């Protein structure tokens, strides 16, 4: 059994940045490790903004892992860039 990691209020932004770097560099092993980290993080106790960021990040990861249309991948990368920049609405 693996322990689910707790996340800090800026974890989604940091993880998004690491995924983006791995994606752009074509480092598949690092990319898969970051994808796996997203699914292992506990969202219990997060504030609503960070919870939404983590949900968005999870959706991005699902799209990037899927055999999706290139346009869907481009849209997911754009969202990832936005999330990695730490932009707040």
PDB file of N, CA and C in Angstrom:
ATOM      1  N   UNK A   1       0.849  -1.172   0.000  1.00  0.00           N
ATOM      2  CA  UNK A   1       0.000   0.000   0.000  1.00  0.00           C
ATOM      3  C   UNK A   1       0.897   1.237   0.000  1.00  0.00           C
ATOM      4  N   UNK A   2       0.599   2.218  -0.844  1.00  0.00           N
ATOM      5  CA  UNK A   2       1.379   3.443  -0.880  1.00  0.00           C
ATOM      6  C   UNK A   2       0.659   4.526  -0.104  1.00  0.00           C
ATOM      7  N   UNK A   3       1.429   5.366   0.521  1.00  0.00           N
ATOM      8  CA  UNK A   3       0.861   6.493   1.254  1.00  0.00           C
ATOM      9  C   UNK A   3       0.500   7.588   0.264  1.00  0.00           C
ATOM     10  N   UNK A   4      -0.662   8.158   0.410  1.00  0.00           N
ATOM     11  CA  UNK A   4      -1.043   9.283  -0.442  1.00  0.00           C
ATOM     12  C   UNK A   4      -0.376  10.533   0.112  1.00  0.00           C
ATOM     13  N   UNK A   5       0.255  11.274  -0.778  1.00  0.00           N
ATOM     14  CA  UNK A   5       0.972  12.477  -0.376  1.00  0.00           C
ATOM     15  C   UNK A   5      -0.006  13.607  -0.116  1.00  0.00           C
ATOM     16  N   UNK A   6       0.345  14.429   0.848  1.00  0.00           N
ATOM     17  CA  UNK A   6      -0.425  15.646   1.082  1.00  0.00           C
ATOM     18  C   UNK A   6       0.156  16.723   0.198  1.00  0.00           C
ATOM     19  N   UNK A   7      -0.644  17.670  -0.182  1.00  0.00           N
ATOM     20  CA  UNK A   7      -0.184  18.715  -1.075  1.00  0.00           C
ATOM     21  C   UNK A   7      -0.250  20.073  -0.403  1.00  0.00           C
ATOM     22  N   UNK A   8       0.649  20.944  -0.787  1.00  0.00           N
ATOM     23  CA  UNK A   8       0.655  22.302  -0.248  1.00  0.00           C
ATOM     24  C   UNK A   8      -0.182  23.187  -1.156  1.00  0.00           C
ATOM     25  N   UNK A   9      -0.475  24.415  -0.709  1.00  0.00           N
ATOM     26  CA  UNK A   9      -1.320  25.294  -1.512  1.00  0.00           C
ATOM     27  C   UNK A   9      -0.781  25.634  -2.895  1.00  0.00           C
ATOM     28  N   UNK A  10       0.496  25.387  -3.173  1.00  0.00           N
ATOM     29  CA  UNK A  10       1.040  25.694  -4.489  1.00  0.00           C
ATOM     30  C   UNK A  10       1.519  24.432  -5.209  1.00  0.00           C
ATOM     31  N   UNK A  11       1.144  23.276  -4.720  1.00  0.00           N
ATOM     32  CA  UNK A  11       1.600  22.013  -5.308  1.00  0.00           C
ATOM     33  C   UNK A  11       1.156  21.871  -6.757  1.00  0.00           C
ATOM     34  N   UNK A  12      -0.059  22.214  -7.080  1.00  0.00           N
ATOM     35  CA  UNK A  12      -0.554  22.061  -8.450  1.00  0.00           C
ATOM     36  C   UNK A  12       0.284  22.887  -9.410  1.00  0.00           C
ATOM     37  N   UNK A  13       0.663  24.077  -9.005  1.00  0.00           N
ATOM     38  CA  UNK A  13       1.485  24.944  -9.847  1.00  0.00           C
ATOM     39  C   UNK A  13       2.864  24.340 -10.062  1.00  0.00           C
ATOM     40  N   UNK A  14       3.476  23.830  -8.991  1.00  0.00           N
ATOM     41  CA  UNK A  14       4.810  23.219  -9.103  1.00  0.00           C
ATOM     42  C   UNK A  14       4.768  21.960  -9.962  1.00  0.00           C
ATOM     43  N   UNK A  15       3.794  21.111  -9.720  1.00  0.00           N
ATOM     44  CA  UNK A  15       3.685  19.870 -10.479  1.00  0.00           C
ATOM     45  C   UNK A  15       3.409  20.178 -11.948  1.00  0.00           C
ATOM     46  N   UNK A  16       2.542  21.127 -12.202  1.00  0.00           N
ATOM     47  CA  UNK A  16       2.248  21.521 -13.584  1.00  0.00           C
ATOM     48  C   UNK A  16       3.525  21.978 -14.285  1.00  0.00           C
ATOM     49  N   UNK A  17       4.344  22.729 -13.586  1.00  0.00           N
ATOM     50  CA  UNK A  17       5.607  23.186 -14.165  1.00  0.00           C
ATOM     51  C   UNK A  17       6.534  22.032 -14.494  1.00  0.00           C
ATOM     52  N   UNK A  18       6.608  21.060 -13.589  1.00  0.00           N
ATOM     53  CA  UNK A  18       7.473  19.897 -13.837  1.00  0.00           C
ATOM     54  C   UNK A  18       6.953  19.049 -14.995  1.00  0.00           C
ATOM     55  N   UNK A  19       5.630  18.902 -15.092  1.00  0.00           N
ATOM     56  CA  UNK A  19       5.051  18.159 -16.209  1.00  0.00           C
ATOM     57  C   UNK A  19       5.359  18.883 -17.519  1.00  0.00           C
ATOM     58  N   UNK A  20       5.209  20.181 -17.509  1.00  0.00           N
ATOM     59  CA  UNK A  20       5.462  20.972 -18.704  1.00  0.00           C
ATOM     60  C   UNK A  20       6.915  20.838 -19.169  1.00  0.00           C
ATOM     61  N   UNK A  21       7.853  20.897 -18.242  1.00  0.00           N
ATOM     62  CA  UNK A  21       9.273  20.739 -18.583  1.00  0.00           C
ATOM     63  C   UNK A  21       9.527  19.363 -19.177  1.00  0.00           C
ATOM     64  N   UNK A  22       8.997  18.319 -18.546  1.00  0.00           N
ATOM     65  CA  UNK A  22       9.195  16.952 -19.036  1.00  0.00           C
ATOM     66  C   UNK A  22       8.546  16.766 -20.405  1.00  0.00           C
ATOM     67  N   UNK A  23       7.363  17.338 -20.600  1.00  0.00           N
ATOM     68  CA  UNK A  23       6.653  17.221 -21.876  1.00  0.00           C
ATOM     69  C   UNK A  23       7.464  17.872 -22.991  1.00  0.00           C
ATOM     70  N   UNK A  24       7.910  19.103 -22.747  1.00  0.00           N
ATOM     71  CA  UNK A  24       8.643  19.839 -23.776  1.00  0.00           C
ATOM     72  C   UNK A  24      10.000  19.198 -24.081  1.00  0.00           C
ATOM     73  N   UNK A  25      10.609  18.585 -23.065  1.00  0.00           N
ATOM     74  CA  UNK A  25      11.912  17.942 -23.256  1.00  0.00           C
ATOM     75  C   UNK A  25      11.781  16.528 -23.823  1.00  0.00           C
ATOM     76  N   UNK A  26      10.573  15.986 -23.827  1.00  0.00           N
ATOM     77  CA  UNK A  26      10.357  14.643 -24.325  1.00  0.00           C
ATOM     78  C   UNK A  26      10.875  13.553 -23.396  1.00  0.00           C
ATOM     79  N   UNK A  27      10.974  13.871 -22.093  1.00  0.00           N
ATOM     80  CA  UNK A  27      11.428  12.894 -21.103  1.00  0.00           C
ATOM     81  C   UNK A  27      10.248  12.055 -20.629  1.00  0.00           C
ATOM     82  N   UNK A  28      10.025  10.959 -21.317  1.00  0.00           N
ATOM     83  CA  UNK A  28       8.844  10.138 -21.042  1.00  0.00           C
ATOM     84  C   UNK A  28       8.841   9.558 -19.631  1.00  0.00           C
ATOM     85  N   UNK A  29      10.013   9.125 -19.146  1.00  0.00           N
ATOM     86  CA  UNK A  29      10.074   8.553 -17.805  1.00  0.00           C
ATOM     87  C   UNK A  29       9.702   9.594 -16.754  1.00  0.00           C
ATOM     88  N   UNK A  30      10.280  10.782 -16.840  1.00  0.00           N
ATOM     89  CA  UNK A  30       9.951  11.857 -15.897  1.00  0.00           C
ATOM     90  C   UNK A  30       8.477  12.249 -16.010  1.00  0.00           C
ATOM     91  N   UNK A  31       7.997  12.281 -17.230  1.00  0.00           N
ATOM     92  CA  UNK A  31       6.605  12.646 -17.469  1.00  0.00           C
ATOM     93  C   UNK A  31       5.663  11.653 -16.794  1.00  0.00           C
ATOM     94  N   UNK A  32       5.934  10.368 -16.976  1.00  0.00           N
ATOM     95  CA  UNK A  32       5.077   9.356 -16.352  1.00  0.00           C
ATOM     96  C   UNK A  32       5.163   9.406 -14.831  1.00  0.00           C
ATOM     97  N   UNK A  33       6.340   9.705 -14.283  1.00  0.00           N
ATOM     98  CA  UNK A  33       6.475   9.848 -12.825  1.00  0.00           C
ATOM     99  C   UNK A  33       5.641  11.016 -12.322  1.00  0.00           C
ATOM    100  N   UNK A  34       5.663  12.131 -13.045  1.00  0.00           N
ATOM    101  CA  UNK A  34       4.850  13.289 -12.646  1.00  0.00           C
ATOM    102  C   UNK A  34       3.363  12.983 -12.782  1.00  0.00           C
ATOM    103  N   UNK A  35       2.973  12.281 -13.858  1.00  0.00           N
ATOM    104  CA  UNK A  35       1.574  11.890 -14.019  1.00  0.00           C
ATOM    105  C   UNK A  35       1.137  11.034 -12.832  1.00  0.00           C
ATOM    106  N   UNK A  36       1.986  10.077 -12.453  1.00  0.00           N
ATOM    107  CA  UNK A  36       1.663   9.203 -11.327  1.00  0.00           C
ATOM    108  C   UNK A  36       1.551   9.986 -10.026  1.00  0.00           C
ATOM    109  N   UNK A  37       2.375  11.017  -9.868  1.00  0.00           N
ATOM    110  CA  UNK A  37       2.321  11.822  -8.651  1.00  0.00           C
ATOM    111  C   UNK A  37       0.965  12.528  -8.530  1.00  0.00           C
ATOM    112  N   UNK A  38       0.445  12.990  -9.641  1.00  0.00           N
ATOM    113  CA  UNK A  38      -0.852  13.676  -9.630  1.00  0.00           C
ATOM    114  C   UNK A  38      -1.932  12.753  -9.076  1.00  0.00           C
ATOM    115  N   UNK A  39      -1.895  11.496  -9.467  1.00  0.00           N
ATOM    116  CA  UNK A  39      -2.928  10.564  -9.024  1.00  0.00           C
ATOM    117  C   UNK A  39      -2.706  10.081  -7.595  1.00  0.00           C
ATOM    118  N   UNK A  40      -1.515  10.317  -7.031  1.00  0.00           N
ATOM    119  CA  UNK A  40      -1.235   9.836  -5.674  1.00  0.00           C
ATOM    120  C   UNK A  40      -1.388  10.904  -4.605  1.00  0.00           C
ATOM    121  N   UNK A  41      -1.684  12.112  -5.004  1.00  0.00           N
ATOM    122  CA  UNK A  41      -1.780  13.209  -4.042  1.00  0.00           C
ATOM    123  C   UNK A  41      -3.153  13.224  -3.379  1.00  0.00           C
ATOM    124  N   UNK A  42      -3.158  13.352  -2.068  1.00  0.00           N
ATOM    125  CA  UNK A  42      -4.399  13.481  -1.320  1.00  0.00           C
ATOM    126  C   UNK A  42      -4.866  14.938  -1.387  1.00  0.00           C
ATOM    127  N   UNK A  43      -6.128  15.132  -1.682  1.00  0.00           N
ATOM    128  CA  UNK A  43      -6.670  16.483  -1.770  1.00  0.00           C
ATOM    129  C   UNK A  43      -7.434  16.870  -0.505  1.00  0.00           C
ATOM    130  N   UNK A  44      -7.416  15.981   0.463  1.00  0.00           N
ATOM    131  CA  UNK A  44      -8.114  16.257   1.720  1.00  0.00           C
ATOM    132  C   UNK A  44      -7.515  17.485   2.389  1.00  0.00           C
ATOM    133  N   UNK A  45      -8.356  18.390   2.803  1.00  0.00           N
ATOM    134  CA  UNK A  45      -7.919  19.572   3.535  1.00  0.00           C
ATOM    135  C   UNK A  45      -7.469  20.740   2.672  1.00  0.00           C
ATOM    136  N   UNK A  46      -7.577  20.615   1.355  1.00  0.00           N
ATOM    137  CA  UNK A  46      -7.182  21.722   0.486  1.00  0.00           C
ATOM    138  C   UNK A  46      -8.260  22.791   0.469  1.00  0.00           C
ATOM    139  N   UNK A  47      -7.835  24.028   0.254  1.00  0.00           N
ATOM    140  CA  UNK A  47      -8.834  25.075   0.075  1.00  0.00           C
ATOM    141  C   UNK A  47      -9.471  24.907  -1.304  1.00  0.00           C
ATOM    142  N   UNK A  48     -10.563  25.576  -1.554  1.00  0.00           N
ATOM    143  CA  UNK A  48     -11.320  25.350  -2.787  1.00  0.00           C
ATOM    144  C   UNK A  48     -10.533  25.716  -4.036  1.00  0.00           C
ATOM    145  N   UNK A  49      -9.709  26.749  -3.983  1.00  0.00           N
ATOM    146  CA  UNK A  49      -8.921  27.138  -5.144  1.00  0.00           C
ATOM    147  C   UNK A  49      -7.908  26.062  -5.498  1.00  0.00           C
ATOM    148  N   UNK A  50      -7.172  25.565  -4.510  1.00  0.00           N
ATOM    149  CA  UNK A  50      -6.175  24.545  -4.779  1.00  0.00           C
ATOM    150  C   UNK A  50      -6.840  23.224  -5.175  1.00  0.00           C
ATOM    151  N   UNK A  51      -8.003  22.937  -4.614  1.00  0.00           N
ATOM    152  CA  UNK A  51      -8.740  21.733  -5.005  1.00  0.00           C
ATOM    153  C   UNK A  51      -9.113  21.808  -6.491  1.00  0.00           C
ATOM    154  N   UNK A  52      -9.586  22.957  -6.931  1.00  0.00           N
ATOM    155  CA  UNK A  52      -9.931  23.129  -8.339  1.00  0.00           C
ATOM    156  C   UNK A  52      -8.697  23.004  -9.220  1.00  0.00           C
ATOM    157  N   UNK A  53      -7.568  23.555  -8.770  1.00  0.00           N
ATOM    158  CA  UNK A  53      -6.328  23.426  -9.534  1.00  0.00           C
ATOM    159  C   UNK A  53      -5.922  21.960  -9.669  1.00  0.00           C
ATOM    160  N   UNK A  54      -6.048  21.204  -8.588  1.00  0.00           N
ATOM    161  CA  UNK A  54      -5.676  19.790  -8.633  1.00  0.00           C
ATOM    162  C   UNK A  54      -6.627  19.012  -9.545  1.00  0.00           C
ATOM    163  N   UNK A  55      -7.917  19.362  -9.523  1.00  0.00           N
ATOM    164  CA  UNK A  55      -8.876  18.706 -10.413  1.00  0.00           C
ATOM    165  C   UNK A  55      -8.554  19.028 -11.866  1.00  0.00           C
ATOM    166  N   UNK A  56      -8.206  20.275 -12.142  1.00  0.00           N
ATOM    167  CA  UNK A  56      -7.807  20.672 -13.488  1.00  0.00           C
ATOM    168  C   UNK A  56      -6.564  19.909 -13.916  1.00  0.00           C
ATOM    169  N   UNK A  57      -5.588  19.826 -13.022  1.00  0.00           N
ATOM    170  CA  UNK A  57      -4.361  19.103 -13.325  1.00  0.00           C
ATOM    171  C   UNK A  57      -4.655  17.626 -13.610  1.00  0.00           C
ATOM    172  N   UNK A  58      -5.553  17.032 -12.863  1.00  0.00           N
ATOM    173  CA  UNK A  58      -5.942  15.649 -13.115  1.00  0.00           C
ATOM    174  C   UNK A  58      -6.558  15.466 -14.491  1.00  0.00           C
ATOM    175  N   UNK A  59      -7.395  16.403 -14.895  1.00  0.00           N
ATOM    176  CA  UNK A  59      -7.997  16.351 -16.230  1.00  0.00           C
ATOM    177  C   UNK A  59      -6.966  16.523 -17.332  1.00  0.00           C
ATOM    178  N   UNK A  60      -6.011  17.405 -17.092  1.00  0.00           N
ATOM    179  CA  UNK A  60      -4.929  17.605 -18.059  1.00  0.00           C
ATOM    180  C   UNK A  60      -4.132  16.319 -18.222  1.00  0.00           C
ATOM    181  N   UNK A  61      -3.803  15.698 -17.107  1.00  0.00           N
ATOM    182  CA  UNK A  61      -3.031  14.455 -17.140  1.00  0.00           C
ATOM    183  C   UNK A  61      -3.801  13.375 -17.898  1.00  0.00           C
ATOM    184  N   UNK A  62      -5.103  13.255 -17.659  1.00  0.00           N
ATOM    185  CA  UNK A  62      -5.911  12.256 -18.373  1.00  0.00           C
ATOM    186  C   UNK A  62      -5.853  12.497 -19.879  1.00  0.00           C
ATOM    187  N   UNK A  63      -5.933  13.753 -20.282  1.00  0.00           N
ATOM    188  CA  UNK A  63      -5.887  14.089 -21.707  1.00  0.00           C
ATOM    189  C   UNK A  63      -4.529  13.780 -22.305  1.00  0.00           C
ATOM    190  N   UNK A  64      -3.466  14.125 -21.592  1.00  0.00           N
ATOM    191  CA  UNK A  64      -2.126  13.890 -22.116  1.00  0.00           C
ATOM    192  C   UNK A  64      -1.778  12.408 -22.161  1.00  0.00           C
ATOM    193  N   UNK A  65      -2.322  11.635 -21.242  1.00  0.00           N
ATOM    194  CA  UNK A  65      -2.086  10.184 -21.253  1.00  0.00           C
ATOM    195  C   UNK A  65      -2.896   9.474 -22.328  1.00  0.00           C
ATOM    196  N   UNK A  66      -3.994  10.060 -22.710  1.00  0.00           N
ATOM    197  CA  UNK A  66      -4.901   9.429 -23.668  1.00  0.00           C
ATOM    198  C   UNK A  66      -4.354   9.532 -25.092  1.00  0.00           C
ATOM    199  N   UNK A  67      -4.855   8.660 -25.915  1.00  0.00           N
ATOM    200  CA  UNK A  67      -4.533   8.705 -27.343  1.00  0.00           C
ATOM    201  C   UNK A  67      -5.479   9.722 -27.970  1.00  0.00           C
ATOM    202  N   UNK A  68      -5.304  10.961 -27.573  1.00  0.00           N
ATOM    203  CA  UNK A  68      -6.225  12.025 -27.969  1.00  0.00           C
ATOM    204  C   UNK A  68      -5.761  12.679 -29.277  1.00  0.00           C
ATOM    205  N   UNK A  69      -6.646  13.423 -29.854  1.00  0.00           N
ATOM    206  CA  UNK A  69      -6.348  14.197 -31.053  1.00  0.00           C
ATOM    207  C   UNK A  69      -5.286  15.247 -30.708  1.00  0.00           C
ATOM    208  N   UNK A  70      -4.358  15.537 -31.617  1.00  0.00           N
ATOM    209  CA  UNK A  70      -3.314  16.533 -31.337  1.00  0.00           C
ATOM    210  C   UNK A  70      -3.867  17.881 -30.870  1.00  0.00           C
ATOM    211  N   UNK A  71      -5.033  18.257 -31.363  1.00  0.00           N
ATOM    212  CA  UNK A  71      -5.636  19.517 -30.935  1.00  0.00           C
ATOM    213  C   UNK A  71      -6.008  19.466 -29.452  1.00  0.00           C
ATOM    214  N   UNK A  72      -6.443  18.303 -28.970  1.00  0.00           N
ATOM    215  CA  UNK A  72      -6.760  18.149 -27.548  1.00  0.00           C
ATOM    216  C   UNK A  72      -5.483  18.238 -26.714  1.00  0.00           C
ATOM    217  N   UNK A  73      -4.405  17.642 -27.208  1.00  0.00           N
ATOM    218  CA  UNK A  73      -3.127  17.745 -26.500  1.00  0.00           C
ATOM    219  C   UNK A  73      -2.656  19.192 -26.437  1.00  0.00           C
ATOM    220  N   UNK A  74      -2.800  19.919 -27.540  1.00  0.00           N
ATOM    221  CA  UNK A  74      -2.392  21.335 -27.546  1.00  0.00           C
ATOM    222  C   UNK A  74      -3.205  22.137 -26.533  1.00  0.00           C
ATOM    223  N   UNK A  75      -4.498  21.875 -26.465  1.00  0.00           N
ATOM    224  CA  UNK A  75      -5.351  22.581 -25.500  1.00  0.00           C
ATOM    225  C   UNK A  75      -4.932  22.237 -24.074  1.00  0.00           C
ATOM    226  N   UNK A  76      -4.618  20.963 -23.824  1.00  0.00           N
ATOM    227  CA  UNK A  76      -4.181  20.550 -22.486  1.00  0.00           C
ATOM    228  C   UNK A  76      -2.859  21.221 -22.121  1.00  0.00           C
ATOM    229  N   UNK A  77      -1.946  21.332 -23.080  1.00  0.00           N
ATOM    230  CA  UNK A  77      -0.660  21.993 -22.811  1.00  0.00           C
ATOM    231  C   UNK A  77      -0.877  23.470 -22.521  1.00  0.00           C
ATOM    232  N   UNK A  78      -1.787  24.104 -23.224  1.00  0.00           N
ATOM    233  CA  UNK A  78      -2.085  25.526 -22.945  1.00  0.00           C
ATOM    234  C   UNK A  78      -2.620  25.700 -21.526  1.00  0.00           C
ATOM    235  N   UNK A  79      -3.507  24.817 -21.106  1.00  0.00           N
ATOM    236  CA  UNK A  79      -4.017  24.866 -19.734  1.00  0.00           C
ATOM    237  C   UNK A  79      -2.895  24.607 -18.743  1.00  0.00           C
ATOM    238  N   UNK A  80      -2.019  23.677 -19.070  1.00  0.00           N
ATOM    239  CA  UNK A  80      -0.888  23.352 -18.212  1.00  0.00           C
ATOM    240  C   UNK A  80       0.033  24.562 -18.067  1.00  0.00           C
ATOM    241  N   UNK A  81       0.272  25.261 -19.156  1.00  0.00           N
ATOM    242  CA  UNK A  81       1.110  26.474 -19.104  1.00  0.00           C
ATOM    243  C   UNK A  81       0.489  27.529 -18.184  1.00  0.00           C
ATOM    244  N   UNK A  82      -0.805  27.679 -18.311  1.00  0.00           N
ATOM    245  CA  UNK A  82      -1.528  28.633 -17.470  1.00  0.00           C
ATOM    246  C   UNK A  82      -1.438  28.248 -15.991  1.00  0.00           C
ATOM    247  N   UNK A  83      -1.659  26.986 -15.723  1.00  0.00           N
ATOM    248  CA  UNK A  83      -1.590  26.489 -14.340  1.00  0.00           C
ATOM    249  C   UNK A  83      -0.170  26.602 -13.785  1.00  0.00           C
ATOM    250  N   UNK A  84       0.832  26.264 -14.594  1.00  0.00           N
ATOM    251  CA  UNK A  84       2.224  26.335 -14.161  1.00  0.00           C
ATOM    252  C   UNK A  84       2.658  27.762 -13.864  1.00  0.00           C
ATOM    253  N   UNK A  85       2.045  28.726 -14.547  1.00  0.00           N
ATOM    254  CA  UNK A  85       2.391  30.125 -14.315  1.00  0.00           C
ATOM    255  C   UNK A  85       1.828  30.635 -12.994  1.00  0.00           C
ATOM    256  N   UNK A  86       0.949  29.857 -12.388  1.00  0.00           N
ATOM    257  CA  UNK A  86       0.387  30.244 -11.098  1.00  0.00           C
ATOM    258  C   UNK A  86      -0.635  31.347 -11.200  1.00  0.00           C
ATOM    259  N   UNK A  87      -1.227  31.483 -12.368  1.00  0.00           N
ATOM    260  CA  UNK A  87      -2.206  32.542 -12.587  1.00  0.00           C
ATOM    261  C   UNK A  87      -3.449  32.294 -11.757  1.00  0.00           C
ATOM    262  N   UNK A  88      -3.958  33.347 -11.188  1.00  0.00           N
ATOM    263  CA  UNK A  88      -5.210  33.260 -10.430  1.00  0.00           C
ATOM    264  C   UNK A  88      -6.270  34.032 -11.185  1.00  0.00           C
ATOM    265  N   UNK A  89      -7.426  33.469 -11.237  1.00  0.00           N
ATOM    266  CA  UNK A  89      -8.536  34.094 -11.959  1.00  0.00           C
ATOM    267  C   UNK A  89      -9.021  35.323 -11.240  1.00  0.00           C
TER     268      UNK A  89
END
